[in-house]
Amino acid sequence: ITYSVESSVQDLADLGDNEKSSEIIVNTNKEGTATVTATFAGDDTYAASKASYTINVINVITSIADLKKQQLDNTEKSFTLKLTDAVVSYVHGDNAYMEDASAGILVFLKDAQTLTAGQKFNGLVEVSAKTWYSLPEITSWAPFTSMTTETVTELPLQVVTVEELKNNYDKYEGRRVKVLGATVSKAFSDKNGEITQNGPSITLRAGDTNI
């Protein structure tokens, strides 16, 4: 039996020592497909035969924080995202917010996509992501069949000060947080306003109703 490899990108996959080797070396630093073909020329006992197998090499983003670090702009880009204990913390209309231990992100629900608060995900999902008014968001959601889902009753919630929220906004963006003892220091007009707590203030936009 002899082996051959055809790759969609150069040096994605190669044979081991020679064409008689069944060892296939895959370069996981690249993305693409490689088709491995085993060929038997036939002899006096056995007929000629051939069989092929396709390897898909994908780059897996391993956290929500790493997804947000990708070069996102206002054009949708596709990614394979691995979720680890990612929980949907809040859903309002077409907007859902999901967070894992690393970060939170907005999921814009469209085309009959549905998420509910309390869903916890572990596994791979094919997503599209972009930025909208500088906010990173997931715009499409297609879980792998191996994805596992469960429902939790205790939603993630971190208590933060206005100063902490303001100074480390990237850390809390897309997360469910609680601020205690803040005062509305600028009346909310068309849902835009400001809150203050012991000096520091932050501008907010009310997502549900005016404050």
C-alpha atoms as a PDB file:
ATOM      1  CA  ILE A   1       0.000   0.000   0.000  1.00  0.00           C
ATOM      2  CA  THR A   2       1.288   3.468  -0.875  1.00  0.00           C
ATOM      3  CA  TYR A   3       0.100   6.757   0.577  1.00  0.00           C
ATOM      4  CA  SER A   4      -0.267  10.268  -0.809  1.00  0.00           C
ATOM      5  CA  VAL A   5      -1.405  13.587   0.656  1.00  0.00           C
ATOM      6  CA  GLU A   6      -3.080  16.560  -1.017  1.00  0.00           C
ATOM      7  CA  SER A   7      -3.424  19.711   1.104  1.00  0.00           C
ATOM      8  CA  SER A   8      -5.418  22.887   0.588  1.00  0.00           C
ATOM      9  CA  VAL A   9      -2.447  24.905   1.896  1.00  0.00           C
ATOM     10  CA  GLN A  10       1.262  24.206   1.534  1.00  0.00           C
ATOM     11  CA  ASP A  11       2.936  22.105   4.243  1.00  0.00           C
ATOM     12  CA  LEU A  12      -0.332  21.444   6.102  1.00  0.00           C
ATOM     13  CA  ALA A  13       0.271  17.685   6.122  1.00  0.00           C
ATOM     14  CA  ASP A  14       3.069  15.418   4.917  1.00  0.00           C
ATOM     15  CA  LEU A  15       3.898  11.742   4.849  1.00  0.00           C
ATOM     16  CA  GLY A  16       6.301  10.327   7.396  1.00  0.00           C
ATOM     17  CA  ASP A  17       9.499   8.777   6.073  1.00  0.00           C
ATOM     18  CA  ASN A  18       8.260   7.849   2.585  1.00  0.00           C
ATOM     19  CA  GLU A  19       5.188   6.959   0.518  1.00  0.00           C
ATOM     20  CA  LYS A  20       5.099   3.506   2.124  1.00  0.00           C
ATOM     21  CA  SER A  21       4.691   5.058   5.569  1.00  0.00           C
ATOM     22  CA  SER A  22       1.186   5.354   7.001  1.00  0.00           C
ATOM     23  CA  GLU A  23       2.351   8.089   9.392  1.00  0.00           C
ATOM     24  CA  ILE A  24       0.891  11.506   8.572  1.00  0.00           C
ATOM     25  CA  ILE A  25       2.521  14.595  10.077  1.00  0.00           C
ATOM     26  CA  VAL A  26       0.080  17.496  10.499  1.00  0.00           C
ATOM     27  CA  ASN A  27       1.152  21.112  10.995  1.00  0.00           C
ATOM     28  CA  THR A  28      -1.350  22.401  13.572  1.00  0.00           C
ATOM     29  CA  ASN A  29      -0.083  25.963  13.185  1.00  0.00           C
ATOM     30  CA  LYS A  30      -1.998  26.182   9.893  1.00  0.00           C
ATOM     31  CA  GLU A  31      -5.655  25.819   8.929  1.00  0.00           C
ATOM     32  CA  GLY A  32      -7.079  23.870   6.022  1.00  0.00           C
ATOM     33  CA  THR A  33      -7.884  20.378   4.792  1.00  0.00           C
ATOM     34  CA  ALA A  34      -5.657  17.493   3.819  1.00  0.00           C
ATOM     35  CA  THR A  35      -6.817  14.390   1.970  1.00  0.00           C
ATOM     36  CA  VAL A  36      -4.818  11.224   2.620  1.00  0.00           C
ATOM     37  CA  THR A  37      -5.170   8.481   0.027  1.00  0.00           C
ATOM     38  CA  ALA A  38      -4.057   4.875   0.450  1.00  0.00           C
ATOM     39  CA  THR A  39      -3.618   2.970  -2.816  1.00  0.00           C
ATOM     40  CA  PHE A  40      -3.147  -0.744  -3.464  1.00  0.00           C
ATOM     41  CA  ALA A  41      -2.119  -1.565  -7.015  1.00  0.00           C
ATOM     42  CA  GLY A  42      -3.549  -5.105  -6.889  1.00  0.00           C
ATOM     43  CA  ASP A  43      -1.906  -8.488  -7.397  1.00  0.00           C
ATOM     44  CA  ASP A  44      -2.801 -12.063  -8.342  1.00  0.00           C
ATOM     45  CA  THR A  45      -4.802 -12.463  -5.132  1.00  0.00           C
ATOM     46  CA  TYR A  46      -6.376  -9.084  -4.428  1.00  0.00           C
ATOM     47  CA  ALA A  47      -8.017  -6.517  -6.671  1.00  0.00           C
ATOM     48  CA  ALA A  48      -6.701  -2.960  -6.883  1.00  0.00           C
ATOM     49  CA  SER A  49      -8.307  -0.590  -4.392  1.00  0.00           C
ATOM     50  CA  LYS A  50      -8.105   2.906  -3.047  1.00  0.00           C
ATOM     51  CA  ALA A  51      -9.420   4.722   0.048  1.00  0.00           C
ATOM     52  CA  SER A  52      -9.233   8.336   1.149  1.00  0.00           C
ATOM     53  CA  TYR A  53      -9.688  10.233   4.387  1.00  0.00           C
ATOM     54  CA  THR A  54      -9.907  14.005   4.869  1.00  0.00           C
ATOM     55  CA  ILE A  55      -8.363  15.759   7.847  1.00  0.00           C
ATOM     56  CA  ASN A  56      -9.749  19.173   8.815  1.00  0.00           C
ATOM     57  CA  VAL A  57      -7.250  21.314  10.706  1.00  0.00           C
ATOM     58  CA  ILE A  58      -8.898  24.214  12.545  1.00  0.00           C
ATOM     59  CA  ASN A  59      -7.631  26.945  14.834  1.00  0.00           C
ATOM     60  CA  VAL A  60      -9.570  26.751  18.104  1.00  0.00           C
ATOM     61  CA  ILE A  61     -10.025  29.895  20.215  1.00  0.00           C
ATOM     62  CA  THR A  62      -9.975  28.619  23.794  1.00  0.00           C
ATOM     63  CA  SER A  63     -11.769  31.381  25.712  1.00  0.00           C
ATOM     64  CA  ILE A  64     -14.070  34.371  25.306  1.00  0.00           C
ATOM     65  CA  ALA A  65     -11.173  36.666  26.225  1.00  0.00           C
ATOM     66  CA  ASP A  66      -9.051  35.212  23.410  1.00  0.00           C
ATOM     67  CA  LEU A  67     -11.951  35.664  20.974  1.00  0.00           C
ATOM     68  CA  LYS A  68     -12.163  39.354  21.900  1.00  0.00           C
ATOM     69  CA  LYS A  69      -8.406  39.678  21.295  1.00  0.00           C
ATOM     70  CA  GLN A  70      -8.796  38.686  17.650  1.00  0.00           C
ATOM     71  CA  GLN A  71      -8.618  41.487  15.091  1.00  0.00           C
ATOM     72  CA  LEU A  72     -12.345  42.176  15.057  1.00  0.00           C
ATOM     73  CA  ASP A  73     -13.841  45.006  13.017  1.00  0.00           C
ATOM     74  CA  ASN A  74     -17.255  45.732  11.507  1.00  0.00           C
ATOM     75  CA  THR A  75     -16.932  42.761   9.132  1.00  0.00           C
ATOM     76  CA  GLU A  76     -18.018  39.348  10.381  1.00  0.00           C
ATOM     77  CA  LYS A  77     -15.247  36.780  10.798  1.00  0.00           C
ATOM     78  CA  SER A  78     -15.666  33.074  11.557  1.00  0.00           C
ATOM     79  CA  PHE A  79     -14.022  31.266  14.468  1.00  0.00           C
ATOM     80  CA  THR A  80     -14.157  27.927  16.237  1.00  0.00           C
ATOM     81  CA  LEU A  81     -14.595  28.745  19.921  1.00  0.00           C
ATOM     82  CA  LYS A  82     -14.098  26.333  22.808  1.00  0.00           C
ATOM     83  CA  LEU A  83     -16.347  27.203  25.733  1.00  0.00           C
ATOM     84  CA  THR A  84     -15.521  26.109  29.278  1.00  0.00           C
ATOM     85  CA  ASP A  85     -18.286  26.616  31.854  1.00  0.00           C
ATOM     86  CA  ALA A  86     -19.649  29.562  29.856  1.00  0.00           C
ATOM     87  CA  VAL A  87     -22.923  30.816  31.316  1.00  0.00           C
ATOM     88  CA  VAL A  88     -25.612  32.980  29.731  1.00  0.00           C
ATOM     89  CA  SER A  89     -26.037  35.641  32.417  1.00  0.00           C
ATOM     90  CA  TYR A  90     -28.727  37.840  30.873  1.00  0.00           C
ATOM     91  CA  VAL A  91     -31.099  37.929  27.893  1.00  0.00           C
ATOM     92  CA  HIS A  92     -33.091  40.937  26.708  1.00  0.00           C
ATOM     93  CA  GLY A  93     -34.834  40.895  23.344  1.00  0.00           C
ATOM     94  CA  ASP A  94     -32.287  39.956  20.680  1.00  0.00           C
ATOM     95  CA  ASN A  95     -29.339  40.446  23.027  1.00  0.00           C
ATOM     96  CA  ALA A  96     -27.817  37.764  25.232  1.00  0.00           C
ATOM     97  CA  TYR A  97     -24.719  38.072  27.396  1.00  0.00           C
ATOM     98  CA  MET A  98     -22.402  35.152  27.992  1.00  0.00           C
ATOM     99  CA  GLU A  99     -19.355  34.920  30.233  1.00  0.00           C
ATOM    100  CA  ASP A 100     -16.718  32.402  31.207  1.00  0.00           C
ATOM    101  CA  ALA A 101     -13.905  32.765  33.737  1.00  0.00           C
ATOM    102  CA  SER A 102     -11.954  34.978  31.331  1.00  0.00           C
ATOM    103  CA  ALA A 103     -14.426  37.568  29.975  1.00  0.00           C
ATOM    104  CA  GLY A 104     -17.970  38.340  28.862  1.00  0.00           C
ATOM    105  CA  ILE A 105     -19.401  39.045  25.425  1.00  0.00           C
ATOM    106  CA  LEU A 106     -22.653  40.074  23.782  1.00  0.00           C
ATOM    107  CA  VAL A 107     -24.378  37.491  21.590  1.00  0.00           C
ATOM    108  CA  PHE A 108     -26.706  39.114  19.057  1.00  0.00           C
ATOM    109  CA  LEU A 109     -29.492  36.611  18.445  1.00  0.00           C
ATOM    110  CA  LYS A 110     -30.807  36.394  14.895  1.00  0.00           C
ATOM    111  CA  ASP A 111     -32.146  33.837  12.423  1.00  0.00           C
ATOM    112  CA  ALA A 112     -34.118  31.946  15.085  1.00  0.00           C
ATOM    113  CA  GLN A 113     -31.137  31.601  17.429  1.00  0.00           C
ATOM    114  CA  THR A 114     -32.247  31.226  21.042  1.00  0.00           C
ATOM    115  CA  LEU A 115     -30.399  31.431  24.349  1.00  0.00           C
ATOM    116  CA  THR A 116     -31.821  31.635  27.860  1.00  0.00           C
ATOM    117  CA  ALA A 117     -30.313  32.925  31.077  1.00  0.00           C
ATOM    118  CA  GLY A 118     -28.787  30.108  33.120  1.00  0.00           C
ATOM    119  CA  GLN A 119     -27.615  27.946  30.225  1.00  0.00           C
ATOM    120  CA  LYS A 120     -24.083  26.649  30.759  1.00  0.00           C
ATOM    121  CA  PHE A 121     -22.018  25.427  27.802  1.00  0.00           C
ATOM    122  CA  ASN A 122     -18.952  23.208  27.487  1.00  0.00           C
ATOM    123  CA  GLY A 123     -17.512  22.320  24.100  1.00  0.00           C
ATOM    124  CA  LEU A 124     -16.956  23.687  20.623  1.00  0.00           C
ATOM    125  CA  VAL A 125     -19.139  26.153  18.744  1.00  0.00           C
ATOM    126  CA  GLU A 126     -18.707  27.746  15.325  1.00  0.00           C
ATOM    127  CA  VAL A 127     -19.262  31.475  15.693  1.00  0.00           C
ATOM    128  CA  SER A 128     -19.089  34.651  13.668  1.00  0.00           C
ATOM    129  CA  ALA A 129     -17.917  37.769  15.490  1.00  0.00           C
ATOM    130  CA  LYS A 130     -17.512  41.480  14.749  1.00  0.00           C
ATOM    131  CA  THR A 131     -17.592  44.835  16.498  1.00  0.00           C
ATOM    132  CA  TRP A 132     -20.633  47.085  16.499  1.00  0.00           C
ATOM    133  CA  TYR A 133     -20.053  50.624  17.769  1.00  0.00           C
ATOM    134  CA  SER A 134     -16.724  49.315  19.154  1.00  0.00           C
ATOM    135  CA  LEU A 135     -18.463  46.566  21.154  1.00  0.00           C
ATOM    136  CA  PRO A 136     -17.347  42.988  20.349  1.00  0.00           C
ATOM    137  CA  GLU A 137     -20.255  40.666  19.693  1.00  0.00           C
ATOM    138  CA  ILE A 138     -20.996  37.176  18.458  1.00  0.00           C
ATOM    139  CA  THR A 139     -23.392  37.358  15.518  1.00  0.00           C
ATOM    140  CA  SER A 140     -23.954  33.679  14.702  1.00  0.00           C
ATOM    141  CA  TRP A 141     -23.900  30.552  16.825  1.00  0.00           C
ATOM    142  CA  ALA A 142     -23.664  26.921  15.636  1.00  0.00           C
ATOM    143  CA  PRO A 143     -22.670  24.419  18.376  1.00  0.00           C
ATOM    144  CA  PHE A 144     -20.853  21.188  17.495  1.00  0.00           C
ATOM    145  CA  THR A 145     -22.814  18.016  18.242  1.00  0.00           C
ATOM    146  CA  SER A 146     -20.338  17.295  21.060  1.00  0.00           C
ATOM    147  CA  MET A 147     -21.367  20.478  22.913  1.00  0.00           C
ATOM    148  CA  THR A 148     -22.873  19.804  26.362  1.00  0.00           C
ATOM    149  CA  THR A 149     -25.477  22.052  27.956  1.00  0.00           C
ATOM    150  CA  GLU A 150     -26.879  22.265  31.448  1.00  0.00           C
ATOM    151  CA  THR A 151     -28.928  24.811  33.378  1.00  0.00           C
ATOM    152  CA  VAL A 152     -27.651  26.587  36.477  1.00  0.00           C
ATOM    153  CA  THR A 153     -29.834  28.440  38.977  1.00  0.00           C
ATOM    154  CA  GLU A 154     -27.115  30.757  40.315  1.00  0.00           C
ATOM    155  CA  LEU A 155     -26.142  33.273  37.646  1.00  0.00           C
ATOM    156  CA  PRO A 156     -22.648  34.817  37.741  1.00  0.00           C
ATOM    157  CA  LEU A 157     -22.657  38.148  39.561  1.00  0.00           C
ATOM    158  CA  GLN A 158     -19.723  40.242  40.732  1.00  0.00           C
ATOM    159  CA  VAL A 159     -20.051  43.251  43.025  1.00  0.00           C
ATOM    160  CA  VAL A 160     -17.867  46.148  41.816  1.00  0.00           C
ATOM    161  CA  THR A 161     -17.382  49.811  42.623  1.00  0.00           C
ATOM    162  CA  VAL A 162     -17.844  52.543  40.032  1.00  0.00           C
ATOM    163  CA  GLU A 163     -14.113  53.277  40.291  1.00  0.00           C
ATOM    164  CA  GLU A 164     -13.206  49.638  39.627  1.00  0.00           C
ATOM    165  CA  LEU A 165     -15.690  49.446  36.759  1.00  0.00           C
ATOM    166  CA  LYS A 166     -14.317  52.619  35.193  1.00  0.00           C
ATOM    167  CA  ASN A 167     -10.622  51.770  35.621  1.00  0.00           C
ATOM    168  CA  ASN A 168     -10.932  48.161  34.397  1.00  0.00           C
ATOM    169  CA  TYR A 169     -13.814  48.372  31.941  1.00  0.00           C
ATOM    170  CA  ASP A 170     -12.372  45.765  29.537  1.00  0.00           C
ATOM    171  CA  LYS A 171     -12.418  43.239  32.382  1.00  0.00           C
ATOM    172  CA  TYR A 172     -16.139  43.717  33.038  1.00  0.00           C
ATOM    173  CA  GLU A 173     -17.437  44.458  29.539  1.00  0.00           C
ATOM    174  CA  GLY A 174     -20.204  41.975  28.732  1.00  0.00           C
ATOM    175  CA  ARG A 175     -20.351  40.658  32.319  1.00  0.00           C
ATOM    176  CA  ARG A 176     -23.181  40.825  34.823  1.00  0.00           C
ATOM    177  CA  VAL A 177     -22.091  43.094  37.685  1.00  0.00           C
ATOM    178  CA  LYS A 178     -23.698  44.809  40.656  1.00  0.00           C
ATOM    179  CA  VAL A 179     -22.921  48.331  41.887  1.00  0.00           C
ATOM    180  CA  LEU A 180     -24.115  49.252  45.379  1.00  0.00           C
ATOM    181  CA  GLY A 181     -24.832  52.745  46.695  1.00  0.00           C
ATOM    182  CA  ALA A 182     -24.396  54.644  43.432  1.00  0.00           C
ATOM    183  CA  THR A 183     -26.221  57.914  42.733  1.00  0.00           C
ATOM    184  CA  VAL A 184     -27.635  59.040  39.406  1.00  0.00           C
ATOM    185  CA  SER A 185     -25.527  62.176  38.874  1.00  0.00           C
ATOM    186  CA  LYS A 186     -26.744  63.005  35.371  1.00  0.00           C
ATOM    187  CA  ALA A 187     -30.358  62.390  34.469  1.00  0.00           C
ATOM    188  CA  PHE A 188     -30.868  59.713  31.859  1.00  0.00           C
ATOM    189  CA  SER A 189     -32.043  61.223  28.585  1.00  0.00           C
ATOM    190  CA  ASP A 190     -32.861  58.805  25.768  1.00  0.00           C
ATOM    191  CA  LYS A 191     -31.421  56.120  28.059  1.00  0.00           C
ATOM    192  CA  ASN A 192     -28.014  57.865  28.374  1.00  0.00           C
ATOM    193  CA  GLY A 193     -26.905  59.071  31.788  1.00  0.00           C
ATOM    194  CA  GLU A 194     -24.280  58.922  34.524  1.00  0.00           C
ATOM    195  CA  ILE A 195     -23.872  57.408  37.981  1.00  0.00           C
ATOM    196  CA  THR A 196     -21.454  58.466  40.729  1.00  0.00           C
ATOM    197  CA  GLN A 197     -20.123  56.658  43.769  1.00  0.00           C
ATOM    198  CA  ASN A 198     -17.850  58.354  46.332  1.00  0.00           C
ATOM    199  CA  GLY A 199     -16.397  60.697  43.712  1.00  0.00           C
ATOM    200  CA  PRO A 200     -15.730  58.572  40.594  1.00  0.00           C
ATOM    201  CA  SER A 201     -18.455  58.575  37.931  1.00  0.00           C
ATOM    202  CA  ILE A 202     -19.182  56.583  34.783  1.00  0.00           C
ATOM    203  CA  THR A 203     -21.435  57.181  31.782  1.00  0.00           C
ATOM    204  CA  LEU A 204     -24.007  54.454  31.171  1.00  0.00           C
ATOM    205  CA  ARG A 205     -26.724  53.593  28.703  1.00  0.00           C
ATOM    206  CA  ALA A 206     -29.845  51.945  30.085  1.00  0.00           C
ATOM    207  CA  GLY A 207     -30.633  48.884  28.013  1.00  0.00           C
ATOM    208  CA  ASP A 208     -34.158  48.161  29.253  1.00  0.00           C
ATOM    209  CA  THR A 209     -35.748  51.387  30.452  1.00  0.00           C
ATOM    210  CA  ASN A 210     -34.830  54.963  31.295  1.00  0.00           C
ATOM    211  CA  ILE A 211     -33.449  55.616  34.769  1.00  0.00           C
END
